């Protein structure tokens, strides 16, 4: 398999003293008037595209070349794109774009308007994939500041390129990368609406028709197939985040799946279509996602096509046996086409394998979800155990993506996608489970996953979901420790997140009134204090951080109200924004 490092830029740029990157000690948020002002000059050289401003806003600066980073930083951001973004998207042909970037960096003021949109989008999505400290160390500015700058520049470039009228495929490639860069930090409804613009651009270009039917070259046909698939997936996922069913019936289009070939086997001058491989190539992640889509298309017809996507797994018209058969088929396809060829030492292979196994587990959980049985207490112990084990695998896969250094470069793809359904079910079941194996592993995983999320939410909007989750976590731990005491089992190690939530109550706060308050200060131990050794895992004074209005689940063994949790999850998906990034990029 060709590695993205094959395209590593072998160019050394000597920056002049005037162009050296200044060291910025801290990130300073812009003033409100700066957030609403575009990066254009104040005066006569402004051009306004009124049609585009209805969508993207702002004014258009004639010359955007001054907004680009230095040539050295352009190459570094491009290399980041090749390493972190390109393996999971594959909508750009690395060798071709690299040559264009090398040429453009020598004379930024002469590049085409269309290619400039791609450059700014590459800067944006590359920065999103980097850690804050890496951005600060490499570019001398904080991540939030740079992202805000290049997003405004990207919007100006799209306006200048006439995004509502253009038929240039490079602008669509750039716009899709831009949407990927903002989807986790912007209002999901806005991202979904902008995705609709991308769909209309694709239809104007004729991307929904296979290039082989239009007489296009093999190279252009292949790149169009990749782009259409990525756009289709983006439309589906952004629609889900907005609580809407995607209206893009991409699987009914006549676009064929992308070929299983490496970029090195593609060339704009080629006259013959390259032969696809059996086994793993650079396309493994993209093709694994495509296989999932094809599987859903086939099986969604099994219940008469009444349900789109994975909806057939919740349909009462299909038996559970038939649903399991469908999931077994997907698992077998993954094993035959991809998994048997995976080399776990290769980051892309490892990421793809994690994706495929997580998809299969998620589909099993969807098919066996307790909400399909009515009340949870109707489930037999073996069925509940099977569902619990499936959820445990889902959470393990999610946590591995965050903790495994091998695939840290791909966290931009998985971050902020906590499998809430699985987490909620596990917490419900953990009240009565006292086995030493899965139970202990589950509490460790829940502690890691939710402690990290708690930390990430310090400066973000709070929601009813988090208040409810805090209540469920504390009650699940209390009920669990009571159950272990009843069977004379020793108490498991005290989870850090329980300490943090309990400490909120000790500080005289409640999560439903003030949101998430800080946990222990640096250097403060959250484990080992006398209160943590209490029999029930709750401070001896009996204080709790639970709002009575969120008594979703009593300490007894009553079933969860899944409809209520579904409402909370839907609301969270629709309202959640990353305030740190979004508020600095509001123009």
Protein backbone atom coordinates (compact mmCIF):
# COMPACT_ATOMS: atom_id res chain seq x y z
CA UNK A 1 0.00 0.00 0.00
CA UNK A 2 1.35 3.41 -0.89
CA UNK A 3 1.74 5.58 2.20
CA UNK A 4 0.82 9.24 2.24
CA UNK A 5 4.45 9.94 3.06
CA UNK A 6 5.25 9.04 -0.55
CA UNK A 7 3.99 12.52 -1.38
CA UNK A 8 6.02 14.28 1.33
CA UNK A 9 7.18 17.65 0.14
CA UNK A 10 10.96 17.72 -0.29
CA UNK A 11 11.22 21.48 -0.39
CA UNK A 12 13.22 23.66 1.97
CA UNK A 13 12.01 27.21 2.28
CA UNK A 14 14.23 29.88 3.76
CA UNK A 15 12.03 32.54 5.28
CA UNK A 16 13.27 36.06 5.59
CA UNK A 17 13.45 37.71 8.96
CA UNK A 18 10.36 39.72 8.14
CA UNK A 19 8.37 36.57 7.47
CA UNK A 20 9.39 34.65 10.56
CA UNK A 21 6.47 33.40 12.61
CA UNK A 22 5.86 35.62 15.64
CA UNK A 23 5.57 33.90 18.98
CA UNK A 24 2.13 34.51 20.41
CA UNK A 25 1.96 33.58 24.08
CA UNK A 26 -1.75 33.13 24.33
CA UNK A 27 -4.99 33.02 22.40
CA UNK A 28 -6.99 36.25 22.51
CA UNK A 29 -10.58 36.14 21.32
CA UNK A 30 -11.54 38.92 18.89
CA UNK A 31 -13.99 41.66 19.75
CA UNK A 32 -17.60 41.32 18.63
CA UNK A 33 -17.19 43.86 15.82
CA UNK A 34 -14.17 41.92 14.55
CA UNK A 35 -16.16 38.69 14.48
CA UNK A 36 -18.81 40.32 12.31
CA UNK A 37 -16.31 41.98 9.98
CA UNK A 38 -14.82 40.09 7.04
CA UNK A 39 -11.11 40.05 6.30
CA UNK A 40 -11.50 42.68 3.56
CA UNK A 41 -10.17 46.19 3.27
CA UNK A 42 -12.18 49.18 4.46
CA UNK A 43 -13.08 51.00 1.32
CA UNK A 44 -13.03 51.17 -2.39
CA UNK A 45 -11.55 47.78 -3.27
CA UNK A 46 -14.53 45.81 -1.90
CA UNK A 47 -16.71 43.79 -4.23
CA UNK A 48 -19.96 42.35 -3.00
CA UNK A 49 -21.53 39.19 -4.38
CA UNK A 50 -25.06 39.68 -3.11
CA UNK A 51 -26.17 36.14 -3.97
CA UNK A 52 -23.31 34.56 -2.08
CA UNK A 53 -23.67 36.92 0.86
CA UNK A 54 -27.15 35.49 1.42
CA UNK A 55 -25.47 32.17 2.22
CA UNK A 56 -22.00 32.98 3.48
CA UNK A 57 -22.14 36.69 4.29
CA UNK A 58 -19.34 39.22 4.19
CA UNK A 59 -17.61 41.14 1.46
CA UNK A 60 -15.11 40.05 -1.14
CA UNK A 61 -11.52 41.23 -1.15
CA UNK A 62 -10.00 41.47 -4.61
CA UNK A 63 -6.60 40.12 -3.60
CA UNK A 64 -6.64 37.33 -1.01
CA UNK A 65 -2.97 36.43 -1.45
CA UNK A 66 -1.98 38.35 1.69
CA UNK A 67 -4.21 36.04 3.77
CA UNK A 68 -2.21 32.90 2.94
CA UNK A 69 0.40 31.58 5.37
CA UNK A 70 4.08 31.59 4.47
CA UNK A 71 5.24 29.04 1.87
CA UNK A 72 6.85 26.96 4.61
CA UNK A 73 3.59 26.79 6.53
CA UNK A 74 1.63 26.03 3.36
CA UNK A 75 3.79 22.95 2.83
CA UNK A 76 3.44 21.90 6.45
CA UNK A 77 -0.35 22.19 6.32
CA UNK A 78 -0.40 20.26 3.05
CA UNK A 79 1.67 17.48 4.62
CA UNK A 80 -0.76 17.41 7.53
CA UNK A 81 -3.57 17.04 5.02
CA UNK A 82 -1.82 14.10 3.36
CA UNK A 83 -1.21 12.38 6.69
CA UNK A 84 -4.45 13.12 8.58
CA UNK A 85 -7.24 13.99 6.13
CA UNK A 86 -6.60 12.48 2.73
CA UNK A 87 -6.56 8.82 3.87
CA UNK A 88 -10.15 9.13 5.19
CA UNK A 89 -11.60 11.22 2.36
CA UNK A 90 -9.64 10.56 -0.86
CA UNK A 91 -11.42 13.31 -2.80
CA UNK A 92 -8.13 14.87 -3.93
CA UNK A 93 -5.45 13.21 -6.03
CA UNK A 94 -2.38 13.79 -3.89
CA UNK A 95 0.36 13.81 -6.59
CA UNK A 96 -1.55 16.18 -8.87
CA UNK A 97 -2.57 18.64 -6.16
CA UNK A 98 0.94 18.65 -4.70
CA UNK A 99 2.43 19.80 -7.98
CA UNK A 100 -0.16 22.54 -8.19
CA UNK A 101 0.60 23.68 -4.64
CA UNK A 102 4.35 23.76 -5.31
CA UNK A 103 3.73 25.94 -8.32
CA UNK A 104 1.17 28.16 -6.56
CA UNK A 105 3.35 28.85 -3.52
CA UNK A 106 5.87 30.70 -5.69
CA UNK A 107 3.27 33.17 -6.90
CA UNK A 108 0.13 33.22 -4.76
CA UNK A 109 -1.19 36.40 -6.36
CA UNK A 110 -1.46 34.68 -9.76
CA UNK A 111 -3.32 31.48 -8.80
CA UNK A 112 -6.84 30.91 -10.05
CA UNK A 113 -9.78 31.96 -7.92
CA UNK A 114 -11.02 28.37 -7.90
CA UNK A 115 -7.76 26.82 -6.72
CA UNK A 116 -7.50 29.42 -3.99
CA UNK A 117 -10.72 28.09 -2.44
CA UNK A 118 -9.06 24.68 -2.21
CA UNK A 119 -5.95 26.07 -0.52
CA UNK A 120 -7.91 27.86 2.20
CA UNK A 121 -10.06 24.78 2.80
CA UNK A 122 -6.96 22.61 3.11
CA UNK A 123 -5.59 25.00 5.73
CA UNK A 124 -8.85 24.80 7.68
CA UNK A 125 -9.32 21.03 7.74
CA UNK A 126 -5.61 20.43 8.42
CA UNK A 127 -5.68 22.70 11.46
CA UNK A 128 -8.81 20.98 12.76
CA UNK A 129 -6.93 17.66 12.80
CA UNK A 130 -4.05 19.02 14.91
CA UNK A 131 -3.81 19.30 18.67
CA UNK A 132 -3.77 22.77 20.20
CA UNK A 133 -0.23 22.43 21.52
CA UNK A 134 1.08 21.22 18.15
CA UNK A 135 -0.45 24.21 16.37
CA UNK A 136 1.03 26.62 18.91
CA UNK A 137 4.49 25.06 18.67
CA UNK A 138 4.54 24.84 14.87
CA UNK A 139 2.78 28.04 13.81
CA UNK A 140 3.33 30.33 16.80
CA UNK A 141 -0.37 31.09 17.21
CA UNK A 142 -3.24 29.33 18.92
CA UNK A 143 -5.46 26.96 17.00
CA UNK A 144 -8.63 28.98 17.51
CA UNK A 145 -7.07 32.16 16.11
CA UNK A 146 -5.72 30.45 12.99
CA UNK A 147 -8.94 28.56 12.34
CA UNK A 148 -11.00 31.73 12.60
CA UNK A 149 -8.64 33.54 10.22
CA UNK A 150 -8.63 30.86 7.52
CA UNK A 151 -12.35 30.17 7.75
CA UNK A 152 -13.08 33.82 7.05
CA UNK A 153 -10.56 33.73 4.22
CA UNK A 154 -12.20 30.57 2.84
CA UNK A 155 -15.62 32.19 2.85
CA UNK A 156 -14.22 35.21 1.04
CA UNK A 157 -12.65 32.93 -1.56
CA UNK A 158 -15.92 31.05 -2.09
CA UNK A 159 -17.75 34.31 -2.57
CA UNK A 160 -15.11 35.49 -5.02
CA UNK A 161 -15.39 32.20 -6.94
CA UNK A 162 -19.16 32.64 -7.28
CA UNK A 163 -20.08 29.52 -5.38
CA UNK A 164 -23.79 29.78 -6.26
CA UNK A 165 -23.02 29.78 -9.98
CA UNK A 166 -19.77 27.93 -10.53
CA UNK A 167 -19.51 24.55 -12.21
CA UNK A 168 -15.86 24.03 -11.29
CA UNK A 169 -15.30 20.71 -9.56
CA UNK A 170 -12.32 22.07 -7.60
CA UNK A 171 -14.64 24.55 -5.85
CA UNK A 172 -16.93 21.68 -4.85
CA UNK A 173 -13.94 19.71 -3.55
CA UNK A 174 -12.91 22.75 -1.52
CA UNK A 175 -16.42 23.34 -0.21
CA UNK A 176 -16.78 19.75 0.99
CA UNK A 177 -13.47 20.00 2.85
CA UNK A 178 -14.65 23.29 4.35
CA UNK A 179 -17.87 21.65 5.56
CA UNK A 180 -15.89 18.81 7.09
CA UNK A 181 -13.77 21.41 8.87
CA UNK A 182 -16.71 23.25 10.45
CA UNK A 183 -19.18 20.43 11.13
CA UNK A 184 -18.07 19.83 14.72
CA UNK A 185 -17.80 23.49 15.67
CA UNK A 186 -20.87 25.05 14.07
CA UNK A 187 -24.60 24.85 14.37
CA UNK A 188 -25.65 21.51 12.81
CA UNK A 189 -28.69 23.05 11.11
CA UNK A 190 -26.45 25.59 9.37
CA UNK A 191 -23.99 22.91 8.25
CA UNK A 192 -26.83 20.79 6.88
CA UNK A 193 -28.21 23.76 4.93
CA UNK A 194 -24.78 24.47 3.48
CA UNK A 195 -24.49 20.78 2.61
CA UNK A 196 -27.64 21.27 0.53
CA UNK A 197 -25.76 23.92 -1.43
CA UNK A 198 -22.99 21.40 -2.07
CA UNK A 199 -25.55 18.88 -3.34
CA UNK A 200 -26.95 21.45 -5.77
CA UNK A 201 -23.43 22.23 -6.99
CA UNK A 202 -22.83 18.51 -7.55
CA UNK A 203 -26.04 18.16 -9.52
CA UNK A 204 -25.16 21.21 -11.62
CA UNK A 205 -21.83 19.58 -12.43
CA UNK A 206 -23.61 16.28 -13.18
CA UNK A 207 -21.75 14.46 -10.43
CA UNK A 208 -24.78 12.20 -9.83
CA UNK A 209 -24.17 10.64 -13.23
CA UNK A 210 -21.32 8.19 -13.65
CA UNK A 211 -18.47 9.64 -15.70
CA UNK A 212 -18.26 6.54 -17.88
CA UNK A 213 -21.75 7.30 -19.15
CA UNK A 214 -20.77 10.88 -19.94
CA UNK A 215 -17.68 10.03 -21.96
CA UNK A 216 -15.25 11.41 -19.40
CA UNK A 217 -11.66 10.24 -18.98
CA UNK A 218 -10.86 7.35 -16.60
CA UNK A 219 -9.10 9.72 -14.20
CA UNK A 220 -11.93 12.25 -14.04
CA UNK A 221 -14.49 9.46 -13.73
CA UNK A 222 -12.69 7.97 -10.74
CA UNK A 223 -12.28 11.28 -8.92
CA UNK A 224 -15.94 12.16 -9.50
CA UNK A 225 -17.03 8.84 -8.00
CA UNK A 226 -14.98 9.48 -4.87
CA UNK A 227 -16.33 13.00 -4.53
CA UNK A 228 -19.97 11.94 -4.95
CA UNK A 229 -19.64 9.24 -2.30
CA UNK A 230 -18.04 11.62 0.19
CA UNK A 231 -20.74 14.22 -0.41
CA UNK A 232 -23.45 11.60 0.02
CA UNK A 233 -22.04 10.46 3.36
CA UNK A 234 -21.64 14.06 4.53
CA UNK A 235 -25.26 14.84 3.65
CA UNK A 236 -26.53 11.80 5.55
CA UNK A 237 -24.47 12.49 8.68
CA UNK A 238 -25.24 16.21 8.81
CA UNK A 239 -28.93 15.45 8.35
CA UNK A 240 -28.81 13.03 11.27
CA UNK A 241 -27.13 15.67 13.45
CA UNK A 242 -30.05 17.97 12.67
CA UNK A 243 -32.64 15.34 13.50
CA UNK A 244 -33.64 15.05 9.84
CA UNK A 245 -33.70 12.18 7.37
CA UNK A 246 -31.46 12.89 4.40
CA UNK A 247 -33.37 13.62 1.22
CA UNK A 248 -30.42 12.71 -1.01
CA UNK A 249 -31.08 9.28 -2.44
CA UNK A 250 -27.46 8.79 -3.42
CA UNK A 251 -27.74 5.03 -3.65
CA UNK A 252 -30.37 5.34 -6.37
CA UNK A 253 -27.98 7.37 -8.53
CA UNK A 254 -26.09 5.60 -11.29
CA UNK A 255 -22.66 6.47 -9.91
CA UNK A 256 -20.52 3.37 -9.56
CA UNK A 257 -18.38 2.71 -6.46
CA UNK A 258 -14.82 4.06 -6.48
CA UNK A 259 -12.09 1.69 -7.60
CA UNK A 260 -9.77 -0.08 -5.17
CA UNK A 261 -6.60 1.57 -6.47
CA UNK A 262 -3.85 3.76 -5.03
CA UNK A 263 -3.25 7.35 -6.10
CA UNK A 264 0.02 6.31 -7.70
CA UNK A 265 -1.98 4.23 -10.20
CA UNK A 266 -4.01 7.24 -11.33
CA UNK A 267 -2.85 9.92 -13.75
CA UNK A 268 -4.81 12.69 -15.49
CA UNK A 269 -3.28 11.57 -18.82
CA UNK A 270 -4.28 7.91 -18.52
CA UNK A 271 -6.49 6.44 -21.23
CA UNK A 272 -7.35 3.08 -19.65
CA UNK A 273 -9.15 2.42 -16.41
CA UNK A 274 -6.79 0.83 -13.86
CA UNK A 275 -7.67 -2.62 -12.61
CA UNK A 276 -8.88 -2.71 -9.02
CA UNK A 277 -7.05 -4.76 -6.41
CA UNK A 278 -8.23 -7.54 -4.15
CA UNK A 279 -6.96 -6.51 -0.76
CA UNK A 280 -6.03 -3.35 1.10
CA UNK A 281 -5.07 -0.14 -0.68
CA UNK A 282 -5.16 3.55 0.22
CA UNK A 283 -8.92 3.33 -0.37
CA UNK A 284 -9.66 0.84 2.42
CA UNK A 285 -11.42 3.31 4.74
CA UNK A 286 -13.46 4.95 1.99
CA UNK A 287 -14.49 1.61 0.48
CA UNK A 288 -15.44 0.19 3.90
CA UNK A 289 -17.88 3.09 4.36
CA UNK A 290 -19.15 2.57 0.83
CA UNK A 291 -19.74 -1.12 1.54
CA UNK A 292 -21.89 -0.13 4.51
CA UNK A 293 -23.96 2.12 2.26
CA UNK A 294 -24.42 -0.60 -0.34
CA UNK A 295 -25.45 -3.04 2.38
CA UNK A 296 -28.08 -0.62 3.68
CA UNK A 297 -29.43 -0.11 0.17
CA UNK A 298 -29.94 -3.84 -0.34
CA UNK A 299 -31.52 -4.57 3.01
CA UNK A 300 -33.70 -1.47 3.19
CA UNK A 301 -35.72 -3.07 0.40
CA UNK A 302 -36.36 -6.16 2.55
CA UNK A 303 -39.26 -4.52 4.36
CA UNK A 304 -40.70 -3.01 1.20
CA UNK A 305 -38.46 0.06 1.29
CA UNK A 306 -40.58 1.70 3.96
CA UNK A 307 -37.50 2.68 5.97
CA UNK A 308 -34.46 4.55 4.70
CA UNK A 309 -30.92 3.67 5.66
CA UNK A 310 -30.62 1.53 8.76
CA UNK A 311 -34.31 2.05 9.58
CA UNK A 312 -35.10 -1.52 8.55
CA UNK A 313 -33.31 -2.68 11.71
CA UNK A 314 -36.03 -1.08 13.82
CA UNK A 315 -38.89 -2.20 11.61
CA UNK A 316 -41.43 -4.60 13.10
CA UNK A 317 -42.02 -6.08 9.64
CA UNK A 318 -38.68 -7.91 9.82
CA UNK A 319 -37.99 -10.65 12.33
CA UNK A 320 -35.02 -10.38 14.66
CA UNK A 321 -33.55 -13.47 13.01
CA UNK A 322 -33.64 -11.76 9.62
CA UNK A 323 -32.04 -8.63 11.03
CA UNK A 324 -29.24 -10.70 12.56
CA UNK A 325 -28.80 -12.44 9.22
CA UNK A 326 -28.37 -9.06 7.54
CA UNK A 327 -25.75 -7.98 10.09
CA UNK A 328 -23.93 -11.31 9.73
CA UNK A 329 -23.78 -10.67 6.00
CA UNK A 330 -22.19 -7.25 6.55
CA UNK A 331 -19.67 -8.74 8.97
CA UNK A 332 -18.76 -11.48 6.48
CA UNK A 333 -18.34 -8.94 3.68
CA UNK A 334 -16.01 -6.87 5.80
CA UNK A 335 -13.98 -9.92 6.71
CA UNK A 336 -13.72 -11.16 3.13
CA UNK A 337 -13.01 -7.83 1.42
CA UNK A 338 -10.98 -5.91 3.97
CA UNK A 339 -10.28 -7.26 7.44
CA UNK A 340 -8.30 -10.29 6.38
CA UNK A 341 -5.87 -7.96 4.58
CA UNK A 342 -5.46 -5.43 7.38
CA UNK A 343 -2.00 -4.80 8.78
CA UNK A 344 -2.65 -3.43 12.26
CA UNK A 345 0.72 -1.65 12.31
CA UNK A 346 -0.48 0.69 9.55
CA UNK A 347 -2.54 3.54 11.03
CA UNK A 348 -5.06 3.64 8.18
CA UNK A 349 -5.63 -0.12 8.33
CA UNK A 350 -6.08 0.00 12.09
CA UNK A 351 -8.54 2.87 11.80
CA UNK A 352 -10.48 1.10 9.06
CA UNK A 353 -10.66 -2.12 11.10
CA UNK A 354 -11.95 -0.17 14.10
CA UNK A 355 -14.57 1.48 11.89
CA UNK A 356 -15.83 -1.81 10.48
CA UNK A 357 -16.07 -3.57 13.83
CA UNK A 358 -17.76 -0.56 15.40
CA UNK A 359 -20.32 -0.45 12.57
CA UNK A 360 -21.20 -4.12 13.02
CA UNK A 361 -21.56 -3.73 16.80
CA UNK A 362 -23.66 -0.60 16.39
CA UNK A 363 -25.96 -2.37 13.94
CA UNK A 364 -26.42 -5.25 16.39
CA UNK A 365 -27.25 -2.84 19.17
CA UNK A 366 -29.74 -1.06 16.89
CA UNK A 367 -31.43 -4.34 16.00
CA UNK A 368 -31.59 -5.54 19.62
CA UNK A 369 -32.17 -2.17 21.29
CA UNK A 370 -34.40 -2.43 24.40
CA UNK A 371 -36.81 0.16 23.02
CA UNK A 372 -37.92 -2.46 20.50
CA UNK A 373 -38.98 -4.81 23.27
CA UNK A 374 -40.95 -2.30 25.27
CA UNK A 375 -39.91 -2.35 28.91
CA UNK A 376 -36.43 -3.61 29.70
CA UNK A 377 -37.65 -6.01 32.37
CA UNK A 378 -39.24 -8.11 29.65
CA UNK A 379 -35.81 -9.06 28.39
CA UNK A 380 -34.30 -12.32 29.52
CA UNK A 381 -30.94 -12.26 31.29
CA UNK A 382 -29.11 -13.83 28.31
CA UNK A 383 -30.55 -11.18 25.95
CA UNK A 384 -29.61 -8.38 28.33
CA UNK A 385 -26.13 -9.85 28.67
CA UNK A 386 -25.74 -10.01 24.88
CA UNK A 387 -26.81 -6.38 24.49
CA UNK A 388 -24.49 -5.32 27.30
CA UNK A 389 -21.49 -7.08 25.73
CA UNK A 390 -22.28 -5.42 22.39
CA UNK A 391 -22.38 -2.00 24.05
CA UNK A 392 -19.11 -2.72 25.82
CA UNK A 393 -17.45 -3.46 22.47
CA UNK A 394 -18.80 -0.17 21.08
CA UNK A 395 -17.41 1.85 23.99
CA UNK A 396 -14.09 -0.03 23.86
CA UNK A 397 -13.74 0.80 20.18
CA UNK A 398 -14.54 4.45 20.80
CA UNK A 399 -12.08 4.73 23.68
CA UNK A 400 -9.36 2.96 21.72
CA UNK A 401 -9.64 5.57 18.97
CA UNK A 402 -9.01 8.28 21.55
CA UNK A 403 -6.24 6.57 23.49
CA UNK A 404 -4.28 4.71 20.80
CA UNK A 405 -1.35 6.86 19.69
CA UNK A 406 -1.24 5.04 16.35
CA UNK A 407 -4.45 6.72 15.14
CA UNK A 408 -4.35 10.08 16.94
CA UNK A 409 -4.04 11.74 13.53
CA UNK A 410 -7.59 10.61 12.74
CA UNK A 411 -9.28 11.93 15.89
CA UNK A 412 -10.76 14.81 13.89
CA UNK A 413 -13.06 12.17 12.40
CA UNK A 414 -14.20 10.49 15.61
CA UNK A 415 -14.03 13.29 18.16
CA UNK A 416 -17.29 14.47 19.74
CA UNK A 417 -19.12 11.34 18.56
CA UNK A 418 -19.75 9.65 21.87
CA UNK A 419 -21.98 6.53 21.46
CA UNK A 420 -24.56 7.84 23.93
CA UNK A 421 -27.11 5.05 23.46
CA UNK A 422 -24.56 2.39 24.37
CA UNK A 423 -23.29 4.41 27.32
CA UNK A 424 -26.80 4.94 28.72
CA UNK A 425 -27.71 1.27 28.41
CA UNK A 426 -24.51 0.18 30.14
CA UNK A 427 -25.10 2.55 33.06
CA UNK A 428 -28.64 1.21 33.43
CA UNK A 429 -27.43 -2.39 33.47
CA UNK A 430 -24.48 -1.73 35.77
CA UNK A 431 -26.86 -1.10 38.66
CA UNK A 432 -27.42 -4.83 39.02
CA UNK A 433 -24.27 -6.38 37.52
CA UNK A 434 -21.63 -7.54 39.98
CA UNK A 435 -19.39 -9.81 37.88
CA UNK A 436 -15.71 -8.98 38.05
CA UNK A 437 -14.92 -9.09 34.33
CA UNK A 438 -17.13 -6.97 32.10
CA UNK A 439 -18.41 -4.88 35.00
CA UNK A 440 -14.98 -3.72 36.10
CA UNK A 441 -13.93 -2.99 32.51
CA UNK A 442 -17.15 -1.06 31.95
CA UNK A 443 -16.67 1.28 34.90
CA UNK A 444 -13.08 1.97 33.84
CA UNK A 445 -14.22 2.79 30.29
CA UNK A 446 -17.14 4.94 31.39
CA UNK A 447 -14.82 6.84 33.70
CA UNK A 448 -12.35 7.54 30.91
CA UNK A 449 -14.93 8.44 28.26
CA UNK A 450 -17.10 10.68 30.38
CA UNK A 451 -14.24 12.29 32.33
CA UNK A 452 -12.71 13.38 29.03
CA UNK A 453 -16.06 14.63 27.77
CA UNK A 454 -16.65 16.47 31.05
CA UNK A 455 -13.33 18.24 30.63
CA UNK A 456 -14.11 19.13 27.01
CA UNK A 457 -17.46 20.60 28.06
CA UNK A 458 -16.01 23.08 30.56
CA UNK A 459 -16.31 26.03 28.17
CA UNK A 460 -19.13 24.77 25.98
CA UNK A 461 -22.90 25.11 26.17
CA UNK A 462 -24.54 22.86 28.75
CA UNK A 463 -27.61 20.81 28.02
CA UNK A 464 -30.36 18.85 29.73
CA UNK A 465 -28.65 15.70 28.47
CA UNK A 466 -25.61 16.36 30.63
CA UNK A 467 -27.72 17.01 33.72
CA UNK A 468 -29.54 13.75 33.10
CA UNK A 469 -26.29 11.90 32.45
CA UNK A 470 -24.81 13.15 35.71
CA UNK A 471 -27.85 11.90 37.56
CA UNK A 472 -27.72 8.52 35.85
CA UNK A 473 -23.97 8.08 36.46
CA UNK A 474 -24.26 8.84 40.17
CA UNK A 475 -27.35 6.69 40.64
CA UNK A 476 -25.88 3.81 38.67
CA UNK A 477 -22.75 3.86 40.85
CA UNK A 478 -24.78 4.08 44.07
CA UNK A 479 -27.05 1.21 43.06
CA UNK A 480 -24.05 -0.81 41.87
CA UNK A 481 -22.17 -0.44 45.17
CA UNK A 482 -25.32 -1.30 47.12
CA UNK A 483 -25.75 -4.44 45.03
CA UNK A 484 -22.14 -5.49 45.62
CA UNK A 485 -22.53 -4.89 49.36
CA UNK A 486 -25.72 -6.95 49.37
CA UNK A 487 -23.80 -9.89 47.88
CA UNK A 488 -20.80 -9.21 50.14
CA UNK A 489 -18.52 -8.22 47.25
CA UNK A 490 -15.75 -5.67 47.71
CA UNK A 491 -16.38 -2.22 46.23
CA UNK A 492 -14.68 -1.57 42.89
CA UNK A 493 -12.08 1.22 42.57
CA UNK A 494 -13.78 4.58 42.88
CA UNK A 495 -14.20 6.18 39.40
CA UNK A 496 -12.73 9.65 39.00
CA UNK A 497 -15.91 11.01 37.40
CA UNK A 498 -17.92 10.06 40.50
CA UNK A 499 -15.46 12.05 42.61
CA UNK A 500 -15.80 15.08 40.35
CA UNK A 501 -19.61 15.02 40.27
CA UNK A 502 -19.82 14.44 44.01
CA UNK A 503 -17.39 17.28 44.65
CA UNK A 504 -19.77 19.62 42.84
CA UNK A 505 -22.33 18.98 45.51
CA UNK A 506 -19.73 19.54 48.24
CA UNK A 507 -19.05 22.97 46.77
CA UNK A 508 -22.69 23.82 47.19
CA UNK A 509 -23.58 23.60 43.51
CA UNK A 510 -26.01 21.53 41.51
CA UNK A 511 -25.43 20.67 37.90
CA UNK A 512 -28.97 21.58 36.80
CA UNK A 513 -28.56 25.19 37.98
CA UNK A 514 -24.98 26.11 37.15
CA UNK A 515 -23.95 23.58 34.50
CA UNK A 516 -20.67 21.73 34.79
CA UNK A 517 -18.40 23.19 37.44
CA UNK A 518 -14.68 22.55 37.62
CA UNK A 519 -13.45 19.31 39.12
CA UNK A 520 -10.36 18.95 41.31
CA UNK A 521 -7.62 21.51 40.84
CA UNK A 522 -4.34 20.33 39.28
CA UNK A 523 -2.45 18.29 41.82
CA UNK A 524 -5.59 17.57 43.83
CA UNK A 525 -6.29 13.87 44.24
CA UNK A 526 -9.77 12.74 43.30
CA UNK A 527 -9.19 9.21 44.54
CA UNK A 528 -8.50 7.81 47.97
CA UNK A 529 -10.22 10.29 50.28
CA UNK A 530 -12.28 8.93 53.20
CA UNK A 531 -15.58 9.93 51.65
CA UNK A 532 -14.74 7.79 48.63
CA UNK A 533 -14.63 4.70 50.78
CA UNK A 534 -18.24 5.08 51.88
CA UNK A 535 -20.37 2.01 51.45
CA UNK A 536 -22.58 3.42 48.70
CA UNK A 537 -20.04 5.48 46.78
CA UNK A 538 -21.82 8.75 47.72
CA UNK A 539 -20.44 11.26 50.25
CA UNK A 540 -21.46 10.44 53.87
CA UNK A 541 -23.36 13.73 54.21
CA UNK A 542 -25.87 12.43 51.70
CA UNK A 543 -25.62 15.44 49.38
CA UNK A 544 -26.28 14.71 45.73
CA UNK A 545 -25.91 16.63 42.50
CA UNK A 546 -29.27 15.34 41.24
CA UNK A 547 -32.21 17.49 40.26
CA UNK A 548 -35.52 15.85 41.22
CA UNK A 549 -36.98 16.91 37.86
CA UNK A 550 -34.51 14.55 36.21
CA UNK A 551 -35.49 11.41 38.06
CA UNK A 552 -35.37 9.46 34.81
CA UNK A 553 -34.44 6.29 36.57
CA UNK A 554 -35.10 5.34 40.19
CA UNK A 555 -32.66 3.39 42.35
CA UNK A 556 -34.81 0.30 41.96
CA UNK A 557 -34.63 -1.84 38.86
CA UNK A 558 -37.31 -0.12 36.81
CA UNK A 559 -36.78 0.15 33.03
CA UNK A 560 -35.38 3.25 31.39
CA UNK A 561 -37.75 5.61 29.64
CA UNK A 562 -36.03 5.38 26.25
CA UNK A 563 -38.37 7.88 24.61
CA UNK A 564 -37.28 10.49 27.14
CA UNK A 565 -33.62 9.73 26.55
CA UNK A 566 -34.22 9.86 22.79
CA UNK A 567 -35.68 13.34 23.17
CA UNK A 568 -32.65 14.47 25.17
CA UNK A 569 -30.23 13.01 22.63
CA UNK A 570 -32.07 14.61 19.70
CA UNK A 571 -32.09 17.98 21.42
CA UNK A 572 -28.40 17.68 22.27
CA UNK A 573 -27.51 16.85 18.68
CA UNK A 574 -29.50 19.79 17.36
CA UNK A 575 -28.32 22.40 19.86
CA UNK A 576 -24.72 21.40 20.60
CA UNK A 577 -22.05 23.75 19.30
CA UNK A 578 -18.44 24.24 20.18
CA UNK A 579 -18.66 27.74 21.60
CA UNK A 580 -14.90 28.25 21.71
CA UNK A 581 -14.60 27.95 17.96
CA UNK A 582 -18.03 28.99 16.77
CA UNK A 583 -18.18 32.28 18.63
CA UNK A 584 -14.84 33.36 17.23
CA UNK A 585 -15.98 32.55 13.71
CA UNK A 586 -19.44 34.05 13.68
CA UNK A 587 -19.03 36.37 10.74
